PDB file of all heavy atoms in Angstrom:
ATOM      1  N   MET A   1       4.248 -15.714  10.511  1.00  0.00           N
ATOM      2  CA  MET A   1       3.236 -15.931   9.476  1.00  0.00           C
ATOM      3  C   MET A   1       1.936 -16.382  10.102  1.00  0.00           C
ATOM      4  O   MET A   1       0.862 -15.945   9.718  1.00  0.00           O
ATOM      5  CB  MET A   1       3.738 -16.970   8.468  1.00  0.00           C
ATOM      6  CG  MET A   1       2.780 -17.222   7.328  1.00  0.00           C
ATOM      7  SD  MET A   1       2.611 -15.779   6.275  1.00  0.00           S
ATOM      8  CE  MET A   1       1.026 -16.077   5.555  1.00  0.00           C
ATOM      9  N   THR A   2       2.027 -17.236  11.138  1.00  0.00           N
ATOM     10  CA  THR A   2       0.807 -17.744  11.765  1.00  0.00           C
ATOM     11  C   THR A   2      -0.018 -16.613  12.345  1.00  0.00           C
ATOM     12  O   THR A   2      -1.230 -16.544  12.193  1.00  0.00           O
ATOM     13  CB  THR A   2       1.164 -18.751  12.872  1.00  0.00           C
ATOM     14  OG1 THR A   2       1.909 -19.821  12.287  1.00  0.00           O
ATOM     15  CG2 THR A   2      -0.086 -19.312  13.509  1.00  0.00           C
ATOM     16  N   GLU A   3       0.681 -15.660  13.014  1.00  0.00           N
ATOM     17  CA  GLU A   3      -0.031 -14.560  13.653  1.00  0.00           C
ATOM     18  C   GLU A   3      -0.724 -13.672  12.643  1.00  0.00           C
ATOM     19  O   GLU A   3      -1.785 -13.111  12.905  1.00  0.00           O
ATOM     20  CB  GLU A   3       0.970 -13.732  14.477  1.00  0.00           C
ATOM     21  CG  GLU A   3       0.323 -12.606  15.269  1.00  0.00           C
ATOM     22  CD  GLU A   3       1.334 -11.788  16.041  1.00  0.00           C
ATOM     23  OE1 GLU A   3       2.526 -12.146  16.034  1.00  0.00           O
ATOM     24  OE2 GLU A   3       0.925 -10.777  16.648  1.00  0.00           O
ATOM     25  N   ASP A   4      -0.131 -13.530  11.440  1.00  0.00           N
ATOM     26  CA  ASP A   4      -0.671 -12.626  10.441  1.00  0.00           C
ATOM     27  C   ASP A   4      -1.590 -13.302   9.437  1.00  0.00           C
ATOM     28  O   ASP A   4      -2.116 -12.650   8.548  1.00  0.00           O
ATOM     29  CB  ASP A   4       0.480 -11.937   9.692  1.00  0.00           C
ATOM     30  CG  ASP A   4       1.050 -10.771  10.474  1.00  0.00           C
ATOM     31  OD1 ASP A   4       0.313 -10.194  11.280  1.00  0.00           O
ATOM     32  OD2 ASP A   4       2.231 -10.452  10.285  1.00  0.00           O
ATOM     33  N   ALA A   5      -1.770 -14.622   9.523  1.00  0.00           N
ATOM     34  CA  ALA A   5      -2.607 -15.315   8.548  1.00  0.00           C
ATOM     35  C   ALA A   5      -4.020 -14.746   8.553  1.00  0.00           C
ATOM     36  O   ALA A   5      -4.610 -14.501   9.602  1.00  0.00           O
ATOM     37  CB  ALA A   5      -2.634 -16.811   8.844  1.00  0.00           C
ATOM     38  N   SER A   6      -4.548 -14.530   7.358  1.00  0.00           N
ATOM     39  CA  SER A   6      -5.919 -14.039   7.167  1.00  0.00           C
ATOM     40  C   SER A   6      -6.132 -12.627   7.703  1.00  0.00           C
ATOM     41  O   SER A   6      -7.236 -12.251   8.077  1.00  0.00           O
ATOM     42  CB  SER A   6      -6.939 -15.001   7.790  1.00  0.00           C
ATOM     43  OG  SER A   6      -6.850 -16.264   7.161  1.00  0.00           O
ATOM     44  N   ARG A   7      -5.068 -11.821   7.706  1.00  0.00           N
ATOM     45  CA  ARG A   7      -5.159 -10.413   8.071  1.00  0.00           C
ATOM     46  C   ARG A   7      -4.690  -9.563   6.889  1.00  0.00           C
ATOM     47  O   ARG A   7      -3.923 -10.010   6.048  1.00  0.00           O
ATOM     48  CB  ARG A   7      -4.263 -10.089   9.272  1.00  0.00           C
ATOM     49  CG  ARG A   7      -4.566 -10.848  10.542  1.00  0.00           C
ATOM     50  CD  ARG A   7      -3.653 -10.383  11.652  1.00  0.00           C
ATOM     51  NE  ARG A   7      -3.965  -9.022  12.050  1.00  0.00           N
ATOM     52  CZ  ARG A   7      -4.760  -8.715  13.076  1.00  0.00           C
ATOM     53  NH1 ARG A   7      -5.310  -9.661  13.805  1.00  0.00           N
ATOM     54  NH2 ARG A   7      -5.000  -7.463  13.368  1.00  0.00           N
ATOM     55  N   PHE A   8      -5.152  -8.311   6.869  1.00  0.00           N
ATOM     56  CA  PHE A   8      -4.543  -7.358   5.944  1.00  0.00           C
ATOM     57  C   PHE A   8      -3.121  -7.073   6.419  1.00  0.00           C
ATOM     58  O   PHE A   8      -2.907  -6.720   7.586  1.00  0.00           O
ATOM     59  CB  PHE A   8      -5.337  -6.051   5.917  1.00  0.00           C
ATOM     60  CG  PHE A   8      -6.605  -6.108   5.109  1.00  0.00           C
ATOM     61  CD1 PHE A   8      -7.833  -6.220   5.736  1.00  0.00           C
ATOM     62  CD2 PHE A   8      -6.563  -6.023   3.719  1.00  0.00           C
ATOM     63  CE1 PHE A   8      -9.009  -6.259   4.998  1.00  0.00           C
ATOM     64  CE2 PHE A   8      -7.738  -6.063   2.972  1.00  0.00           C
ATOM     65  CZ  PHE A   8      -8.960  -6.179   3.613  1.00  0.00           C
ATOM     66  N   VAL A   9      -2.153  -7.242   5.530  1.00  0.00           N
ATOM     67  CA  VAL A   9      -0.756  -7.046   5.920  1.00  0.00           C
ATOM     68  C   VAL A   9      -0.031  -6.029   5.041  1.00  0.00           C
ATOM     69  O   VAL A   9       1.110  -5.662   5.335  1.00  0.00           O
ATOM     70  CB  VAL A   9       0.024  -8.376   5.895  1.00  0.00           C
ATOM     71  CG1 VAL A   9      -0.495  -9.327   6.964  1.00  0.00           C
ATOM     72  CG2 VAL A   9      -0.032  -9.033   4.518  1.00  0.00           C
ATOM     73  N   TRP A  10      -0.658  -5.575   3.972  1.00  0.00           N
ATOM     74  CA  TRP A  10       0.003  -4.625   3.083  1.00  0.00           C
ATOM     75  C   TRP A  10      -1.038  -3.879   2.267  1.00  0.00           C
ATOM     76  O   TRP A  10      -2.169  -4.366   2.091  1.00  0.00           O
ATOM     77  CB  TRP A  10       0.989  -5.356   2.152  1.00  0.00           C
ATOM     78  CG  TRP A  10       1.909  -4.481   1.364  1.00  0.00           C
ATOM     79  CD1 TRP A  10       1.969  -4.343   0.002  1.00  0.00           C
ATOM     80  CD2 TRP A  10       2.931  -3.627   1.881  1.00  0.00           C
ATOM     81  NE1 TRP A  10       2.952  -3.461  -0.354  1.00  0.00           N
ATOM     82  CE2 TRP A  10       3.572  -3.003   0.781  1.00  0.00           C
ATOM     83  CE3 TRP A  10       3.365  -3.319   3.173  1.00  0.00           C
ATOM     84  CZ2 TRP A  10       4.615  -2.089   0.924  1.00  0.00           C
ATOM     85  CZ3 TRP A  10       4.414  -2.417   3.329  1.00  0.00           C
ATOM     86  CH2 TRP A  10       5.024  -1.817   2.208  1.00  0.00           C
ATOM     87  N   TYR A  11      -0.656  -2.705   1.784  1.00  0.00           N
ATOM     88  CA  TYR A  11      -1.574  -1.838   1.039  1.00  0.00           C
ATOM     89  C   TYR A  11      -0.780  -1.214  -0.103  1.00  0.00           C
ATOM     90  O   TYR A  11       0.400  -0.882   0.059  1.00  0.00           O
ATOM     91  CB  TYR A  11      -2.148  -0.751   1.956  1.00  0.00           C
ATOM     92  CG  TYR A  11      -2.695  -1.325   3.237  1.00  0.00           C
ATOM     93  CD1 TYR A  11      -1.854  -1.530   4.331  1.00  0.00           C
ATOM     94  CD2 TYR A  11      -4.027  -1.724   3.339  1.00  0.00           C
ATOM     95  CE1 TYR A  11      -2.332  -2.106   5.496  1.00  0.00           C
ATOM     96  CE2 TYR A  11      -4.511  -2.301   4.504  1.00  0.00           C
ATOM     97  CZ  TYR A  11      -3.658  -2.491   5.578  1.00  0.00           C
ATOM     98  OH  TYR A  11      -4.123  -3.077   6.727  1.00  0.00           O
ATOM     99  N   GLU A  12      -1.437  -1.034  -1.245  1.00  0.00           N
ATOM    100  CA  GLU A  12      -0.698  -0.595  -2.423  1.00  0.00           C
ATOM    101  C   GLU A  12      -1.546   0.370  -3.239  1.00  0.00           C
ATOM    102  O   GLU A  12      -2.734   0.120  -3.481  1.00  0.00           O
ATOM    103  CB  GLU A  12      -0.353  -1.828  -3.267  1.00  0.00           C
ATOM    104  CG  GLU A  12       0.679  -1.611  -4.343  1.00  0.00           C
ATOM    105  CD  GLU A  12       1.111  -2.973  -4.869  1.00  0.00           C
ATOM    106  OE1 GLU A  12       0.379  -3.530  -5.722  1.00  0.00           O
ATOM    107  OE2 GLU A  12       2.138  -3.489  -4.395  1.00  0.00           O
ATOM    108  N   LEU A  13      -0.924   1.455  -3.651  1.00  0.00           N
ATOM    109  CA  LEU A  13      -1.572   2.432  -4.510  1.00  0.00           C
ATOM    110  C   LEU A  13      -1.039   2.280  -5.921  1.00  0.00           C
ATOM    111  O   LEU A  13       0.168   2.390  -6.150  1.00  0.00           O
ATOM    112  CB  LEU A  13      -1.300   3.848  -4.001  1.00  0.00           C
ATOM    113  CG  LEU A  13      -1.786   4.995  -4.902  1.00  0.00           C
ATOM    114  CD1 LEU A  13      -3.309   4.955  -5.082  1.00  0.00           C
ATOM    115  CD2 LEU A  13      -1.343   6.348  -4.347  1.00  0.00           C
ATOM    116  N   MET A  14      -1.923   2.018  -6.870  1.00  0.00           N
ATOM    117  CA  MET A  14      -1.581   2.014  -8.290  1.00  0.00           C
ATOM    118  C   MET A  14      -2.173   3.280  -8.899  1.00  0.00           C
ATOM    119  O   MET A  14      -3.398   3.485  -8.834  1.00  0.00           O
ATOM    120  CB  MET A  14      -2.128   0.759  -8.972  1.00  0.00           C
ATOM    121  CG  MET A  14      -1.416  -0.507  -8.543  1.00  0.00           C
ATOM    122  SD  MET A  14      -2.035  -2.021  -9.329  1.00  0.00           S
ATOM    123  CE  MET A  14      -3.533  -2.270  -8.362  1.00  0.00           C
ATOM    124  N   THR A  15      -1.322   4.126  -9.469  1.00  0.00           N
ATOM    125  CA  THR A  15      -1.773   5.450  -9.857  1.00  0.00           C
ATOM    126  C   THR A  15      -1.134   5.901 -11.163  1.00  0.00           C
ATOM    127  O   THR A  15      -0.210   5.263 -11.688  1.00  0.00           O
ATOM    128  CB  THR A  15      -1.473   6.460  -8.731  1.00  0.00           C
ATOM    129  OG1 THR A  15      -2.059   7.718  -9.042  1.00  0.00           O
ATOM    130  CG2 THR A  15       0.027   6.626  -8.526  1.00  0.00           C
ATOM    131  N   THR A  16      -1.603   7.027 -11.677  1.00  0.00           N
ATOM    132  CA  THR A  16      -1.122   7.555 -12.949  1.00  0.00           C
ATOM    133  C   THR A  16       0.023   8.544 -12.779  1.00  0.00           C
ATOM    134  O   THR A  16       0.624   8.960 -13.772  1.00  0.00           O
ATOM    135  CB  THR A  16      -2.274   8.249 -13.691  1.00  0.00           C
ATOM    136  OG1 THR A  16      -2.908   9.196 -12.801  1.00  0.00           O
ATOM    137  CG2 THR A  16      -3.308   7.238 -14.155  1.00  0.00           C
ATOM    138  N   SER A  17       0.336   8.933 -11.537  1.00  0.00           N
ATOM    139  CA  SER A  17       1.472   9.823 -11.292  1.00  0.00           C
ATOM    140  C   SER A  17       2.067   9.501  -9.930  1.00  0.00           C
ATOM    141  O   SER A  17       1.585   9.991  -8.905  1.00  0.00           O
ATOM    142  CB  SER A  17       1.059  11.300 -11.351  1.00  0.00           C
ATOM    143  OG  SER A  17       2.169  12.129 -11.024  1.00  0.00           O
ATOM    144  N   THR A  18       3.107   8.686  -9.920  1.00  0.00           N
ATOM    145  CA  THR A  18       3.711   8.301  -8.646  1.00  0.00           C
ATOM    146  C   THR A  18       4.408   9.493  -7.981  1.00  0.00           C
ATOM    147  O   THR A  18       4.424   9.599  -6.761  1.00  0.00           O
ATOM    148  CB  THR A  18       4.709   7.148  -8.835  1.00  0.00           C
ATOM    149  OG1 THR A  18       5.671   7.512  -9.825  1.00  0.00           O
ATOM    150  CG2 THR A  18       3.980   5.880  -9.282  1.00  0.00           C
ATOM    151  N   ASP A  19       4.978  10.399  -8.784  1.00  0.00           N
ATOM    152  CA  ASP A  19       5.623  11.571  -8.192  1.00  0.00           C
ATOM    153  C   ASP A  19       4.621  12.426  -7.436  1.00  0.00           C
ATOM    154  O   ASP A  19       4.874  12.861  -6.300  1.00  0.00           O
ATOM    155  CB  ASP A  19       6.301  12.415  -9.280  1.00  0.00           C
ATOM    156  CG  ASP A  19       7.559  11.762  -9.835  1.00  0.00           C
ATOM    157  OD1 ASP A  19       8.121  10.881  -9.147  1.00  0.00           O
ATOM    158  OD2 ASP A  19       7.974  12.126 -10.955  1.00  0.00           O
ATOM    159  N   ALA A  20       3.467  12.672  -8.041  1.00  0.00           N
ATOM    160  CA  ALA A  20       2.437  13.472  -7.382  1.00  0.00           C
ATOM    161  C   ALA A  20       1.903  12.756  -6.143  1.00  0.00           C
ATOM    162  O   ALA A  20       1.634  13.383  -5.121  1.00  0.00           O
ATOM    163  CB  ALA A  20       1.297  13.764  -8.357  1.00  0.00           C
ATOM    164  N   ALA A  21       1.749  11.436  -6.223  1.00  0.00           N
ATOM    165  CA  ALA A  21       1.246  10.672  -5.078  1.00  0.00           C
ATOM    166  C   ALA A  21       2.217  10.712  -3.909  1.00  0.00           C
ATOM    167  O   ALA A  21       1.814  10.809  -2.748  1.00  0.00           O
ATOM    168  CB  ALA A  21       0.968   9.230  -5.493  1.00  0.00           C
ATOM    169  N   ARG A  22       3.509  10.633  -4.203  1.00  0.00           N
ATOM    170  CA  ARG A  22       4.509  10.731  -3.131  1.00  0.00           C
ATOM    171  C   ARG A  22       4.366  12.048  -2.380  1.00  0.00           C
ATOM    172  O   ARG A  22       4.402  12.093  -1.144  1.00  0.00           O
ATOM    173  CB  ARG A  22       5.922  10.614  -3.717  1.00  0.00           C
ATOM    174  CG  ARG A  22       6.399   9.196  -3.932  1.00  0.00           C
ATOM    175  CD  ARG A  22       7.897   9.149  -4.156  1.00  0.00           C
ATOM    176  NE  ARG A  22       8.274   9.780  -5.419  1.00  0.00           N
ATOM    177  CZ  ARG A  22       8.432   9.108  -6.561  1.00  0.00           C
ATOM    178  NH1 ARG A  22       8.241   7.813  -6.600  1.00  0.00           N
ATOM    179  NH2 ARG A  22       8.784   9.741  -7.659  1.00  0.00           N
ATOM    180  N   GLN A  23       4.214  13.123  -3.127  1.00  0.00           N
ATOM    181  CA  GLN A  23       4.099  14.438  -2.502  1.00  0.00           C
ATOM    182  C   GLN A  23       2.796  14.563  -1.714  1.00  0.00           C
ATOM    183  O   GLN A  23       2.781  15.064  -0.587  1.00  0.00           O
ATOM    184  CB  GLN A  23       4.185  15.521  -3.569  1.00  0.00           C
ATOM    185  CG  GLN A  23       5.536  15.593  -4.273  1.00  0.00           C
ATOM    186  CD  GLN A  23       5.557  16.632  -5.384  1.00  0.00           C
ATOM    187  OE1 GLN A  23       4.746  17.553  -5.403  1.00  0.00           O
ATOM    188  NE2 GLN A  23       6.480  16.483  -6.326  1.00  0.00           N
ATOM    189  N   PHE A  24       1.694  14.091  -2.307  1.00  0.00           N
ATOM    190  CA  PHE A  24       0.388  14.251  -1.673  1.00  0.00           C
ATOM    191  C   PHE A  24       0.317  13.475  -0.365  1.00  0.00           C
ATOM    192  O   PHE A  24      -0.011  14.037   0.690  1.00  0.00           O
ATOM    193  CB  PHE A  24      -0.711  13.786  -2.628  1.00  0.00           C
ATOM    194  CG  PHE A  24      -2.098  13.873  -2.048  1.00  0.00           C
ATOM    195  CD1 PHE A  24      -2.759  15.085  -1.967  1.00  0.00           C
ATOM    196  CD2 PHE A  24      -2.745  12.734  -1.582  1.00  0.00           C
ATOM    197  CE1 PHE A  24      -4.037  15.169  -1.423  1.00  0.00           C
ATOM    198  CE2 PHE A  24      -4.020  12.808  -1.041  1.00  0.00           C
ATOM    199  CZ  PHE A  24      -4.668  14.030  -0.963  1.00  0.00           C
ATOM    200  N   TYR A  25       0.617  12.185  -0.392  1.00  0.00           N
ATOM    201  CA  TYR A  25       0.478  11.379   0.819  1.00  0.00           C
ATOM    202  C   TYR A  25       1.591  11.679   1.830  1.00  0.00           C
ATOM    203  O   TYR A  25       1.382  11.545   3.038  1.00  0.00           O
ATOM    204  CB  TYR A  25       0.438   9.891   0.468  1.00  0.00           C
ATOM    205  CG  TYR A  25      -0.859   9.498  -0.209  1.00  0.00           C
ATOM    206  CD1 TYR A  25      -0.931   9.354  -1.597  1.00  0.00           C
ATOM    207  CD2 TYR A  25      -2.018   9.298   0.529  1.00  0.00           C
ATOM    208  CE1 TYR A  25      -2.120   9.017  -2.220  1.00  0.00           C
ATOM    209  CE2 TYR A  25      -3.216   8.957  -0.086  1.00  0.00           C
ATOM    210  CZ  TYR A  25      -3.265   8.822  -1.464  1.00  0.00           C
ATOM    211  OH  TYR A  25      -4.463   8.487  -2.081  1.00  0.00           O
TER     212      TYR A  25
END
């Protein structure tokens, strides 16, 4: 936790079609 403090550690897509997003990305 100390090493990762104040860093970007995760990313999240909120979308209207998760099935389409899975295929696209």
